[in-house]
Amino acid sequence: MAEKVPLQTLRSDSFLLSIIVPTYNEEEVLPEMYQRTISVIDNIDADVELIFVNDGSSDETLTILTQLHATDSRISIIDLSRNFGKEIAMTAGLDYSCGDAVVLIDADLQDPPELIPQMIDEWQAGFDVVYAQRTSRAGETAVKKATSHLFYRLMKYISQEQIPADTGDFRLLSRRAVNALLKLREQHRFMKGLFSWIGFPQKSIPYQRDARFSGNSKWNYIRLWNFALEGITSFSTLPLKISTYLGVTTALGAFLYGIFILFDTLLIGNPVPGYPSLLVVVLFLGGIQLIALGVIGEYLGRMFLETKNRPLYLIKGYEPSKFSVENG
């Protein structure tokens, strides 16, 4: 666990808190999420801005956000031109945040806003990153819980960074942590890894994750698989090393088998051609080669997209909060 910073660098009581909420088709849960968040921040002795990032929603999410903005000047809306994905939506919110401390939280209420005051306490005690660590996951299938558990343990062993287990995106970042994070502009953004990569003193807060308040999760198993690939290829080169080891092992095995066949033919003879065994060997070697090419292709494809140097996102509309206007 990282050590706390010296007392002379602790934060003052007067500060601006930014809360970033990426949203994608969350019309059913937004009113409740807003009310619960407001009931929390009204009891925080600080100025608070709520940044909602509409990630190309096709339902009434933007309409609801516009109505909330009309009644609450603390709300700002970033309306992306299309669905760019949650990682990019969070980055857009961070780009436009003005707070001395910034909280990232999902709109589905699986992560309780009531935990924010405790995060602030840890931040004021000297931690730059305060992340919520799940002790239980209500409302999720056994398969999803098991695969999530395995993924985090796998990342722990193969990643070049120490990514906390059972930790999502619900966390608080100090301003210097946000500024450091915004220097990282890669297209394929595995935010959990980036949060760890920047370093700085970090602290976990255990909590029980609730079931979704309403609606269905946007993360099906295909998207979760692709997300896992993003994490592995972004923060580990182990798959490339495994491909190399497989190639060396297979080549060594083929060489030894070739010596065996040579001596077997010279000493005993081999009158019956081994077509079935030959076919098995050919198919096995072909499979190994295709796997290795696929792994290389995953990394090469990501390099190809990075070299295009496209902007991470485009904004269709922006409604600033009063704090955004005050801070330019």
C-alpha atoms as a PDB file:
ATOM      1  CA  MET A   1       0.000   0.000   0.000  1.00  0.00           C
ATOM      2  CA  ALA A   2       1.319   3.450  -0.910  1.00  0.00           C
ATOM      3  CA  GLU A   3       2.299   5.788   1.898  1.00  0.00           C
ATOM      4  CA  LYS A   4       0.389   8.975   2.576  1.00  0.00           C
ATOM      5  CA  VAL A   5       1.917  12.257   1.508  1.00  0.00           C
ATOM      6  CA  PRO A   6       3.350  14.594   4.184  1.00  0.00           C
ATOM      7  CA  LEU A   7       0.900  16.673   6.193  1.00  0.00           C
ATOM      8  CA  GLN A   8       2.014  19.958   4.670  1.00  0.00           C
ATOM      9  CA  THR A   9       0.608  18.855   1.282  1.00  0.00           C
ATOM     10  CA  LEU A  10      -2.874  18.001   2.541  1.00  0.00           C
ATOM     11  CA  ARG A  11      -5.795  19.626   0.756  1.00  0.00           C
ATOM     12  CA  SER A  12      -7.715  22.577   2.103  1.00  0.00           C
ATOM     13  CA  ASP A  13     -11.374  22.438   3.100  1.00  0.00           C
ATOM     14  CA  SER A  14     -12.487  24.724   0.256  1.00  0.00           C
ATOM     15  CA  PHE A  15     -12.427  22.899  -3.061  1.00  0.00           C
ATOM     16  CA  LEU A  16     -14.336  22.093  -6.238  1.00  0.00           C
ATOM     17  CA  LEU A  17     -15.493  18.505  -6.745  1.00  0.00           C
ATOM     18  CA  SER A  18     -16.255  17.216 -10.244  1.00  0.00           C
ATOM     19  CA  ILE A  19     -18.426  14.098 -10.616  1.00  0.00           C
ATOM     20  CA  ILE A  20     -18.273  12.468 -14.057  1.00  0.00           C
ATOM     21  CA  VAL A  21     -21.105  10.168 -15.139  1.00  0.00           C
ATOM     22  CA  PRO A  22     -20.773   8.414 -18.533  1.00  0.00           C
ATOM     23  CA  THR A  23     -24.230   7.535 -19.853  1.00  0.00           C
ATOM     24  CA  TYR A  24     -25.428   5.294 -22.661  1.00  0.00           C
ATOM     25  CA  ASN A  25     -29.168   4.570 -22.913  1.00  0.00           C
ATOM     26  CA  GLU A  26     -29.815   5.147 -19.195  1.00  0.00           C
ATOM     27  CA  GLU A  27     -33.218   6.868 -19.383  1.00  0.00           C
ATOM     28  CA  GLU A  28     -34.738   4.494 -16.810  1.00  0.00           C
ATOM     29  CA  VAL A  29     -32.188   5.134 -14.089  1.00  0.00           C
ATOM     30  CA  LEU A  30     -31.059   8.749 -14.595  1.00  0.00           C
ATOM     31  CA  PRO A  31     -33.719  10.511 -12.452  1.00  0.00           C
ATOM     32  CA  GLU A  32     -33.050   8.233  -9.489  1.00  0.00           C
ATOM     33  CA  MET A  33     -29.293   8.471  -9.975  1.00  0.00           C
ATOM     34  CA  TYR A  34     -29.505  12.262 -10.004  1.00  0.00           C
ATOM     35  CA  GLN A  35     -31.640  12.400  -6.851  1.00  0.00           C
ATOM     36  CA  ARG A  36     -29.366  10.077  -4.891  1.00  0.00           C
ATOM     37  CA  THR A  37     -26.259  11.950  -6.007  1.00  0.00           C
ATOM     38  CA  ILE A  38     -27.777  15.338  -5.141  1.00  0.00           C
ATOM     39  CA  SER A  39     -28.763  14.107  -1.671  1.00  0.00           C
ATOM     40  CA  VAL A  40     -25.106  13.217  -1.121  1.00  0.00           C
ATOM     41  CA  ILE A  41     -23.426  16.316  -2.526  1.00  0.00           C
ATOM     42  CA  ASP A  42     -25.818  18.677  -0.761  1.00  0.00           C
ATOM     43  CA  ASN A  43     -24.174  17.498   2.473  1.00  0.00           C
ATOM     44  CA  ILE A  44     -20.620  18.007   1.208  1.00  0.00           C
ATOM     45  CA  ASP A  45     -18.916  21.252   2.199  1.00  0.00           C
ATOM     46  CA  ALA A  46     -17.638  22.019  -1.298  1.00  0.00           C
ATOM     47  CA  ASP A  47     -18.691  23.287  -4.686  1.00  0.00           C
ATOM     48  CA  VAL A  48     -19.766  20.399  -6.918  1.00  0.00           C
ATOM     49  CA  GLU A  49     -20.163  20.104 -10.680  1.00  0.00           C
ATOM     50  CA  LEU A  50     -21.946  17.147 -12.266  1.00  0.00           C
ATOM     51  CA  ILE A  51     -20.587  16.229 -15.708  1.00  0.00           C
ATOM     52  CA  PHE A  52     -22.827  13.884 -17.684  1.00  0.00           C
ATOM     53  CA  VAL A  53     -21.280  12.446 -20.846  1.00  0.00           C
ATOM     54  CA  ASN A  54     -23.905  11.245 -23.314  1.00  0.00           C
ATOM     55  CA  ASP A  55     -22.126   8.508 -25.253  1.00  0.00           C
ATOM     56  CA  GLY A  56     -24.359   8.404 -28.327  1.00  0.00           C
ATOM     57  CA  SER A  57     -27.548   7.289 -26.563  1.00  0.00           C
ATOM     58  CA  SER A  58     -30.476   6.327 -28.782  1.00  0.00           C
ATOM     59  CA  ASP A  59     -33.180   6.651 -26.108  1.00  0.00           C
ATOM     60  CA  GLU A  60     -34.333   9.715 -24.121  1.00  0.00           C
ATOM     61  CA  THR A  61     -31.131  10.021 -22.086  1.00  0.00           C
ATOM     62  CA  LEU A  62     -30.128  13.348 -23.661  1.00  0.00           C
ATOM     63  CA  THR A  63     -33.629  14.782 -23.210  1.00  0.00           C
ATOM     64  CA  ILE A  64     -33.603  13.932 -19.505  1.00  0.00           C
ATOM     65  CA  LEU A  65     -30.128  15.399 -19.092  1.00  0.00           C
ATOM     66  CA  THR A  66     -31.204  18.611 -20.822  1.00  0.00           C
ATOM     67  CA  GLN A  67     -34.162  18.926 -18.458  1.00  0.00           C
ATOM     68  CA  LEU A  68     -31.919  18.417 -15.433  1.00  0.00           C
ATOM     69  CA  HIS A  69     -29.460  21.000 -16.755  1.00  0.00           C
ATOM     70  CA  ALA A  70     -32.257  23.556 -17.084  1.00  0.00           C
ATOM     71  CA  THR A  71     -33.065  23.217 -13.376  1.00  0.00           C
ATOM     72  CA  ASP A  72     -29.587  22.727 -11.921  1.00  0.00           C
ATOM     73  CA  SER A  73     -26.706  25.025 -12.929  1.00  0.00           C
ATOM     74  CA  ARG A  74     -24.181  22.592 -11.468  1.00  0.00           C
ATOM     75  CA  ILE A  75     -24.795  20.182 -14.349  1.00  0.00           C
ATOM     76  CA  SER A  76     -22.849  20.168 -17.579  1.00  0.00           C
ATOM     77  CA  ILE A  77     -23.566  17.901 -20.551  1.00  0.00           C
ATOM     78  CA  ILE A  78     -21.037  16.590 -23.045  1.00  0.00           C
ATOM     79  CA  ASP A  79     -22.914  15.118 -26.004  1.00  0.00           C
ATOM     80  CA  LEU A  80     -20.589  12.934 -28.078  1.00  0.00           C
ATOM     81  CA  SER A  81     -21.205  12.657 -31.818  1.00  0.00           C
ATOM     82  CA  ARG A  82     -21.689   8.873 -31.581  1.00  0.00           C
ATOM     83  CA  ASN A  83     -21.083   5.952 -29.256  1.00  0.00           C
ATOM     84  CA  PHE A  84     -17.326   5.869 -28.588  1.00  0.00           C
ATOM     85  CA  GLY A  85     -17.423   3.499 -25.627  1.00  0.00           C
ATOM     86  CA  LYS A  86     -17.219   3.996 -21.890  1.00  0.00           C
ATOM     87  CA  GLU A  87     -13.430   4.398 -21.737  1.00  0.00           C
ATOM     88  CA  ILE A  88     -13.524   7.299 -24.206  1.00  0.00           C
ATOM     89  CA  ALA A  89     -16.598   8.822 -22.533  1.00  0.00           C
ATOM     90  CA  MET A  90     -14.759   8.898 -19.202  1.00  0.00           C
ATOM     91  CA  THR A  91     -11.786  10.540 -20.903  1.00  0.00           C
ATOM     92  CA  ALA A  92     -14.039  13.237 -22.366  1.00  0.00           C
ATOM     93  CA  GLY A  93     -15.417  13.942 -18.902  1.00  0.00           C
ATOM     94  CA  LEU A  94     -11.910  14.186 -17.470  1.00  0.00           C
ATOM     95  CA  ASP A  95     -10.906  16.570 -20.270  1.00  0.00           C
ATOM     96  CA  TYR A  96     -13.711  18.968 -19.338  1.00  0.00           C
ATOM     97  CA  SER A  97     -13.544  18.611 -15.540  1.00  0.00           C
ATOM     98  CA  CYS A  98     -12.440  21.592 -13.472  1.00  0.00           C
ATOM     99  CA  GLY A  99     -12.430  20.069  -9.998  1.00  0.00           C
ATOM    100  CA  ASP A 100      -9.628  19.839  -7.479  1.00  0.00           C
ATOM    101  CA  ALA A 101     -10.906  16.288  -7.010  1.00  0.00           C
ATOM    102  CA  VAL A 102     -12.730  14.265  -9.658  1.00  0.00           C
ATOM    103  CA  VAL A 103     -15.040  11.283  -9.082  1.00  0.00           C
ATOM    104  CA  LEU A 104     -15.885   8.759 -11.795  1.00  0.00           C
ATOM    105  CA  ILE A 105     -19.115   6.850 -11.272  1.00  0.00           C
ATOM    106  CA  ASP A 106     -21.485   4.807 -13.446  1.00  0.00           C
ATOM    107  CA  ALA A 107     -25.089   5.853 -13.946  1.00  0.00           C
ATOM    108  CA  ASP A 108     -26.631   2.445 -13.174  1.00  0.00           C
ATOM    109  CA  LEU A 109     -26.381   2.882  -9.362  1.00  0.00           C
ATOM    110  CA  GLN A 110     -24.415  -0.323  -8.911  1.00  0.00           C
ATOM    111  CA  ASP A 111     -21.788   1.960  -7.408  1.00  0.00           C
ATOM    112  CA  PRO A 112     -23.387   3.908  -4.521  1.00  0.00           C
ATOM    113  CA  PRO A 113     -22.928   7.706  -4.563  1.00  0.00           C
ATOM    114  CA  GLU A 114     -23.129   7.526  -0.766  1.00  0.00           C
ATOM    115  CA  LEU A 115     -19.494   6.354  -0.802  1.00  0.00           C
ATOM    116  CA  ILE A 116     -18.240   9.679  -2.186  1.00  0.00           C
ATOM    117  CA  PRO A 117     -17.822  11.445   1.220  1.00  0.00           C
ATOM    118  CA  GLN A 118     -15.566   8.627   2.400  1.00  0.00           C
ATOM    119  CA  MET A 119     -13.507   8.985  -0.774  1.00  0.00           C
ATOM    120  CA  ILE A 120     -13.149  12.699  -0.096  1.00  0.00           C
ATOM    121  CA  ASP A 121     -11.944  11.977   3.438  1.00  0.00           C
ATOM    122  CA  GLU A 122      -9.182   9.717   2.093  1.00  0.00           C
ATOM    123  CA  TRP A 123      -8.253  12.287  -0.559  1.00  0.00           C
ATOM    124  CA  GLN A 124      -8.001  15.013   2.073  1.00  0.00           C
ATOM    125  CA  ALA A 125      -5.817  12.640   4.087  1.00  0.00           C
ATOM    126  CA  GLY A 126      -3.294  12.663   1.257  1.00  0.00           C
ATOM    127  CA  PHE A 127      -4.216  10.006  -1.317  1.00  0.00           C
ATOM    128  CA  ASP A 128      -4.312  10.960  -5.000  1.00  0.00           C
ATOM    129  CA  VAL A 129      -6.357   7.963  -6.141  1.00  0.00           C
ATOM    130  CA  VAL A 130      -9.107   6.482  -3.975  1.00  0.00           C
ATOM    131  CA  TYR A 131     -10.762   3.476  -5.604  1.00  0.00           C
ATOM    132  CA  ALA A 132     -13.762   1.436  -4.504  1.00  0.00           C
ATOM    133  CA  GLN A 133     -12.977  -2.284  -4.262  1.00  0.00           C
ATOM    134  CA  ARG A 134     -15.874  -4.714  -4.548  1.00  0.00           C
ATOM    135  CA  THR A 135     -16.369  -7.307  -1.821  1.00  0.00           C
ATOM    136  CA  SER A 136     -19.567  -8.660  -3.434  1.00  0.00           C
ATOM    137  CA  ARG A 137     -21.434  -8.254  -6.723  1.00  0.00           C
ATOM    138  CA  ALA A 138     -25.224  -8.386  -6.435  1.00  0.00           C
ATOM    139  CA  GLY A 139     -27.436  -9.056  -9.449  1.00  0.00           C
ATOM    140  CA  GLU A 140     -24.770 -10.736 -11.589  1.00  0.00           C
ATOM    141  CA  THR A 141     -24.655 -14.293 -12.899  1.00  0.00           C
ATOM    142  CA  ALA A 142     -22.253 -16.885 -11.533  1.00  0.00           C
ATOM    143  CA  VAL A 143     -20.520 -17.043 -14.928  1.00  0.00           C
ATOM    144  CA  LYS A 144     -19.890 -13.294 -14.988  1.00  0.00           C
ATOM    145  CA  LYS A 145     -18.610 -13.305 -11.409  1.00  0.00           C
ATOM    146  CA  ALA A 146     -16.278 -16.229 -12.153  1.00  0.00           C
ATOM    147  CA  THR A 147     -14.886 -14.757 -15.381  1.00  0.00           C
ATOM    148  CA  SER A 148     -14.385 -11.369 -13.714  1.00  0.00           C
ATOM    149  CA  HIS A 149     -12.564 -13.026 -10.816  1.00  0.00           C
ATOM    150  CA  LEU A 150     -10.288 -14.939 -13.202  1.00  0.00           C
ATOM    151  CA  PHE A 151      -9.603 -11.864 -15.347  1.00  0.00           C
ATOM    152  CA  TYR A 152      -8.380  -9.726 -12.465  1.00  0.00           C
ATOM    153  CA  ARG A 153      -6.169 -12.540 -11.150  1.00  0.00           C
ATOM    154  CA  LEU A 154      -4.777 -13.128 -14.637  1.00  0.00           C
ATOM    155  CA  MET A 155      -4.002  -9.419 -15.061  1.00  0.00           C
ATOM    156  CA  LYS A 156      -2.233  -9.441 -11.702  1.00  0.00           C
ATOM    157  CA  TYR A 157       0.258 -12.034 -12.945  1.00  0.00           C
ATOM    158  CA  ILE A 158       0.780 -10.979 -16.550  1.00  0.00           C
ATOM    159  CA  SER A 159       0.457  -7.200 -16.406  1.00  0.00           C
ATOM    160  CA  GLN A 160       3.421  -4.897 -16.129  1.00  0.00           C
ATOM    161  CA  GLU A 161       1.312  -2.764 -13.747  1.00  0.00           C
ATOM    162  CA  GLN A 162      -0.271  -3.772 -10.454  1.00  0.00           C
ATOM    163  CA  ILE A 163      -3.974  -3.438 -11.286  1.00  0.00           C
ATOM    164  CA  PRO A 164      -6.135  -3.817  -8.140  1.00  0.00           C
ATOM    165  CA  ALA A 165      -8.393  -6.863  -8.173  1.00  0.00           C
ATOM    166  CA  ASP A 166     -12.196  -6.529  -8.108  1.00  0.00           C
ATOM    167  CA  THR A 167     -12.006  -2.813  -8.850  1.00  0.00           C
ATOM    168  CA  GLY A 168     -14.030  -0.991 -11.484  1.00  0.00           C
ATOM    169  CA  ASP A 169     -13.952   2.647 -12.565  1.00  0.00           C
ATOM    170  CA  PHE A 170     -15.642   4.035  -9.448  1.00  0.00           C
ATOM    171  CA  ARG A 171     -12.913   6.171  -7.892  1.00  0.00           C
ATOM    172  CA  LEU A 172     -11.741   9.640  -6.920  1.00  0.00           C
ATOM    173  CA  LEU A 173      -8.718  11.280  -8.565  1.00  0.00           C
ATOM    174  CA  SER A 174      -6.810  14.323  -7.389  1.00  0.00           C
ATOM    175  CA  ARG A 175      -6.186  17.136  -9.851  1.00  0.00           C
ATOM    176  CA  ARG A 176      -2.547  16.158 -10.315  1.00  0.00           C
ATOM    177  CA  ALA A 177      -3.611  12.547 -10.975  1.00  0.00           C
ATOM    178  CA  VAL A 178      -6.128  13.764 -13.583  1.00  0.00           C
ATOM    179  CA  ASN A 179      -3.519  15.978 -15.242  1.00  0.00           C
ATOM    180  CA  ALA A 180      -1.099  13.053 -15.408  1.00  0.00           C
ATOM    181  CA  LEU A 181      -3.790  10.766 -16.821  1.00  0.00           C
ATOM    182  CA  LEU A 182      -4.740  13.249 -19.535  1.00  0.00           C
ATOM    183  CA  LYS A 183      -1.199  13.126 -20.907  1.00  0.00           C
ATOM    184  CA  LEU A 184      -1.907   9.540 -21.993  1.00  0.00           C
ATOM    185  CA  ARG A 185      -3.814   9.815 -25.277  1.00  0.00           C
ATOM    186  CA  GLU A 186      -3.684   6.293 -26.701  1.00  0.00           C
ATOM    187  CA  GLN A 187      -6.695   5.167 -28.733  1.00  0.00           C
ATOM    188  CA  HIS A 188      -7.122   1.806 -27.021  1.00  0.00           C
ATOM    189  CA  ARG A 189      -7.762   2.918 -23.463  1.00  0.00           C
ATOM    190  CA  PHE A 190      -7.893   0.349 -20.702  1.00  0.00           C
ATOM    191  CA  MET A 191      -8.600   2.871 -17.973  1.00  0.00           C
ATOM    192  CA  LYS A 192      -8.102   0.501 -15.042  1.00  0.00           C
ATOM    193  CA  GLY A 193      -4.542  -0.024 -16.203  1.00  0.00           C
ATOM    194  CA  LEU A 194      -3.968   3.690 -16.841  1.00  0.00           C
ATOM    195  CA  PHE A 195      -5.171   4.540 -13.325  1.00  0.00           C
ATOM    196  CA  SER A 196      -2.454   2.248 -11.953  1.00  0.00           C
ATOM    197  CA  TRP A 197       0.212   3.330 -14.439  1.00  0.00           C
ATOM    198  CA  ILE A 198       0.256   6.960 -13.301  1.00  0.00           C
ATOM    199  CA  GLY A 199       1.270   5.922  -9.793  1.00  0.00           C
ATOM    200  CA  PHE A 200       0.830   8.421  -6.905  1.00  0.00           C
ATOM    201  CA  PRO A 201      -0.462   7.362  -3.461  1.00  0.00           C
ATOM    202  CA  GLN A 202      -3.540   5.156  -3.843  1.00  0.00           C
ATOM    203  CA  LYS A 203      -6.051   3.802  -1.319  1.00  0.00           C
ATOM    204  CA  SER A 204      -8.858   1.248  -1.586  1.00  0.00           C
ATOM    205  CA  ILE A 205     -12.280   1.432   0.028  1.00  0.00           C
ATOM    206  CA  PRO A 206     -14.164  -1.892   0.278  1.00  0.00           C
ATOM    207  CA  TYR A 207     -17.857  -1.872  -0.576  1.00  0.00           C
ATOM    208  CA  GLN A 208     -20.701  -4.145  -1.629  1.00  0.00           C
ATOM    209  CA  ARG A 209     -21.758  -3.574  -5.206  1.00  0.00           C
ATOM    210  CA  ASP A 210     -25.516  -3.346  -5.744  1.00  0.00           C
ATOM    211  CA  ALA A 211     -27.571  -4.733  -8.608  1.00  0.00           C
ATOM    212  CA  ARG A 212     -28.586  -2.367 -11.390  1.00  0.00           C
ATOM    213  CA  PHE A 213     -31.404  -0.064 -10.299  1.00  0.00           C
ATOM    214  CA  SER A 214     -33.167  -0.558 -13.634  1.00  0.00           C
ATOM    215  CA  GLY A 215     -32.563  -1.653 -17.205  1.00  0.00           C
ATOM    216  CA  ASN A 216     -30.046  -4.128 -18.566  1.00  0.00           C
ATOM    217  CA  SER A 217     -26.269  -4.117 -18.619  1.00  0.00           C
ATOM    218  CA  LYS A 218     -24.666  -2.954 -21.880  1.00  0.00           C
ATOM    219  CA  TRP A 219     -21.795  -5.408 -21.336  1.00  0.00           C
ATOM    220  CA  ASN A 220     -22.560  -8.710 -23.043  1.00  0.00           C
ATOM    221  CA  TYR A 221     -20.003 -11.508 -23.114  1.00  0.00           C
ATOM    222  CA  ILE A 222     -18.633 -10.499 -26.518  1.00  0.00           C
ATOM    223  CA  ARG A 223     -17.959  -6.953 -25.322  1.00  0.00           C
ATOM    224  CA  LEU A 224     -16.450  -8.287 -22.108  1.00  0.00           C
ATOM    225  CA  TRP A 225     -14.158 -10.581 -24.128  1.00  0.00           C
ATOM    226  CA  ASN A 226     -13.014  -7.662 -26.294  1.00  0.00           C
ATOM    227  CA  PHE A 227     -12.523  -5.567 -23.167  1.00  0.00           C
ATOM    228  CA  ALA A 228     -10.345  -8.303 -21.663  1.00  0.00           C
ATOM    229  CA  LEU A 229      -8.255  -8.357 -24.857  1.00  0.00           C
ATOM    230  CA  GLU A 230      -7.800  -4.596 -24.552  1.00  0.00           C
ATOM    231  CA  GLY A 231      -6.492  -4.992 -21.029  1.00  0.00           C
ATOM    232  CA  ILE A 232      -4.125  -7.839 -21.867  1.00  0.00           C
ATOM    233  CA  THR A 233      -2.678  -6.301 -25.029  1.00  0.00           C
ATOM    234  CA  SER A 234      -2.413  -2.816 -23.482  1.00  0.00           C
ATOM    235  CA  PHE A 235      -0.445  -3.842 -20.414  1.00  0.00           C
ATOM    236  CA  SER A 236       1.274  -7.134 -21.190  1.00  0.00           C
ATOM    237  CA  THR A 237       3.467  -8.650 -23.900  1.00  0.00           C
ATOM    238  CA  LEU A 238       3.149 -12.137 -22.411  1.00  0.00           C
ATOM    239  CA  PRO A 239       0.952 -13.475 -25.266  1.00  0.00           C
ATOM    240  CA  LEU A 240       3.763 -12.643 -27.708  1.00  0.00           C
ATOM    241  CA  LYS A 241       6.264 -14.433 -25.481  1.00  0.00           C
ATOM    242  CA  ILE A 242       3.971 -17.456 -25.217  1.00  0.00           C
ATOM    243  CA  SER A 243       3.786 -17.588 -29.028  1.00  0.00           C
ATOM    244  CA  THR A 244       7.589 -17.605 -29.136  1.00  0.00           C
ATOM    245  CA  TYR A 245       7.811 -20.345 -26.518  1.00  0.00           C
ATOM    246  CA  LEU A 246       5.235 -22.448 -28.369  1.00  0.00           C
ATOM    247  CA  GLY A 247       7.156 -22.049 -31.600  1.00  0.00           C
ATOM    248  CA  VAL A 248      10.480 -23.030 -30.012  1.00  0.00           C
ATOM    249  CA  THR A 249       8.937 -25.973 -28.165  1.00  0.00           C
ATOM    250  CA  THR A 250       7.151 -27.232 -31.281  1.00  0.00           C
ATOM    251  CA  ALA A 251      10.267 -26.879 -33.417  1.00  0.00           C
ATOM    252  CA  LEU A 252      12.350 -28.730 -30.816  1.00  0.00           C
ATOM    253  CA  GLY A 253       9.751 -31.479 -30.600  1.00  0.00           C
ATOM    254  CA  ALA A 254       9.658 -31.815 -34.393  1.00  0.00           C
ATOM    255  CA  PHE A 255      13.464 -31.973 -34.517  1.00  0.00           C
ATOM    256  CA  LEU A 256      13.622 -34.729 -31.889  1.00  0.00           C
ATOM    257  CA  TYR A 257      10.804 -36.629 -33.586  1.00  0.00           C
ATOM    258  CA  GLY A 258      12.680 -36.355 -36.901  1.00  0.00           C
ATOM    259  CA  ILE A 259      15.785 -37.917 -35.301  1.00  0.00           C
ATOM    260  CA  PHE A 260      13.647 -40.710 -33.896  1.00  0.00           C
ATOM    261  CA  ILE A 261      12.099 -41.442 -37.309  1.00  0.00           C
ATOM    262  CA  LEU A 262      15.549 -41.461 -38.914  1.00  0.00           C
ATOM    263  CA  PHE A 263      17.005 -44.018 -36.538  1.00  0.00           C
ATOM    264  CA  ASP A 264      13.780 -46.035 -36.480  1.00  0.00           C
ATOM    265  CA  THR A 265      13.868 -46.310 -40.276  1.00  0.00           C
ATOM    266  CA  LEU A 266      17.570 -47.218 -40.388  1.00  0.00           C
ATOM    267  CA  LEU A 267      17.404 -49.820 -37.631  1.00  0.00           C
ATOM    268  CA  ILE A 268      13.939 -51.335 -37.987  1.00  0.00           C
ATOM    269  CA  GLY A 269      12.497 -50.013 -41.207  1.00  0.00           C
ATOM    270  CA  ASN A 270       9.167 -48.385 -41.827  1.00  0.00           C
ATOM    271  CA  PRO A 271       7.321 -50.178 -44.638  1.00  0.00           C
ATOM    272  CA  VAL A 272       3.920 -48.569 -43.919  1.00  0.00           C
ATOM    273  CA  PRO A 273       3.723 -44.790 -44.569  1.00  0.00           C
ATOM    274  CA  GLY A 274       2.221 -42.912 -41.608  1.00  0.00           C
ATOM    275  CA  TYR A 275      -0.268 -40.709 -43.383  1.00  0.00           C
ATOM    276  CA  PRO A 276      -2.626 -40.263 -40.364  1.00  0.00           C
ATOM    277  CA  SER A 277       0.229 -39.261 -38.039  1.00  0.00           C
ATOM    278  CA  LEU A 278       1.637 -36.960 -40.722  1.00  0.00           C
ATOM    279  CA  LEU A 279      -1.744 -35.282 -41.121  1.00  0.00           C
ATOM    280  CA  VAL A 280      -2.038 -34.793 -37.356  1.00  0.00           C
ATOM    281  CA  VAL A 281       1.422 -33.212 -37.186  1.00  0.00           C
ATOM    282  CA  VAL A 282       0.683 -30.886 -40.107  1.00  0.00           C
ATOM    283  CA  LEU A 283      -2.630 -29.770 -38.619  1.00  0.00           C
ATOM    284  CA  PHE A 284      -1.036 -29.280 -35.204  1.00  0.00           C
ATOM    285  CA  LEU A 285       1.766 -27.141 -36.601  1.00  0.00           C
ATOM    286  CA  GLY A 286      -0.727 -25.182 -38.727  1.00  0.00           C
ATOM    287  CA  GLY A 287      -2.853 -24.486 -35.647  1.00  0.00           C
ATOM    288  CA  ILE A 288       0.158 -23.252 -33.680  1.00  0.00           C
ATOM    289  CA  GLN A 289       1.117 -20.953 -36.535  1.00  0.00           C
ATOM    290  CA  LEU A 290      -2.386 -19.522 -36.844  1.00  0.00           C
ATOM    291  CA  ILE A 291      -2.560 -18.874 -33.106  1.00  0.00           C
ATOM    292  CA  ALA A 292       0.777 -17.080 -33.184  1.00  0.00           C
ATOM    293  CA  LEU A 293      -0.283 -15.029 -36.207  1.00  0.00           C
ATOM    294  CA  GLY A 294      -3.536 -14.128 -34.462  1.00  0.00           C
ATOM    295  CA  VAL A 295      -1.711 -12.892 -31.362  1.00  0.00           C
ATOM    296  CA  ILE A 296       0.690 -10.864 -33.488  1.00  0.00           C
ATOM    297  CA  GLY A 297      -2.279  -9.519 -35.459  1.00  0.00           C
ATOM    298  CA  GLU A 298      -3.975  -8.272 -32.291  1.00  0.00           C
ATOM    299  CA  TYR A 299      -0.928  -6.200 -31.375  1.00  0.00           C
ATOM    300  CA  LEU A 300      -0.272  -5.106 -34.955  1.00  0.00           C
ATOM    301  CA  GLY A 301      -3.891  -3.987 -35.404  1.00  0.00           C
ATOM    302  CA  ARG A 302      -3.666  -1.800 -32.328  1.00  0.00           C
ATOM    303  CA  MET A 303      -0.405  -0.265 -33.572  1.00  0.00           C
ATOM    304  CA  PHE A 304      -2.101   0.427 -36.918  1.00  0.00           C
ATOM    305  CA  LEU A 305      -4.970   2.301 -35.247  1.00  0.00           C
ATOM    306  CA  GLU A 306      -2.615   4.258 -32.994  1.00  0.00           C
ATOM    307  CA  THR A 307      -0.565   5.499 -35.959  1.00  0.00           C
ATOM    308  CA  LYS A 308      -3.669   7.096 -37.504  1.00  0.00           C
ATOM    309  CA  ASN A 309      -3.567   9.640 -34.653  1.00  0.00           C
ATOM    310  CA  ARG A 310      -7.290  10.332 -34.837  1.00  0.00           C
ATOM    311  CA  PRO A 311      -8.963  12.370 -32.072  1.00  0.00           C
ATOM    312  CA  LEU A 312     -10.283  10.231 -29.250  1.00  0.00           C
ATOM    313  CA  TYR A 313     -13.814  11.611 -29.644  1.00  0.00           C
ATOM    314  CA  LEU A 314     -15.927  14.279 -31.316  1.00  0.00           C
ATOM    315  CA  ILE A 315     -18.503  16.415 -29.548  1.00  0.00           C
ATOM    316  CA  LYS A 316     -21.906  17.174 -31.035  1.00  0.00           C
ATOM    317  CA  GLY A 317     -22.994  19.526 -28.254  1.00  0.00           C
ATOM    318  CA  TYR A 318     -21.789  20.936 -24.949  1.00  0.00           C
ATOM    319  CA  GLU A 319     -23.785  22.559 -22.146  1.00  0.00           C
ATOM    320  CA  PRO A 320     -21.416  23.921 -19.484  1.00  0.00           C
ATOM    321  CA  SER A 321     -22.108  24.186 -15.775  1.00  0.00           C
ATOM    322  CA  LYS A 322     -21.656  27.461 -13.935  1.00  0.00           C
ATOM    323  CA  PHE A 323     -18.264  26.222 -12.710  1.00  0.00           C
ATOM    324  CA  SER A 324     -17.153  25.422 -16.251  1.00  0.00           C
ATOM    325  CA  VAL A 325     -18.018  28.976 -17.293  1.00  0.00           C
ATOM    326  CA  GLU A 326     -16.214  30.468 -14.284  1.00  0.00           C
ATOM    327  CA  ASN A 327     -13.091  28.435 -15.043  1.00  0.00           C
ATOM    328  CA  GLY A 328     -13.088  29.304 -18.736  1.00  0.00           C
END
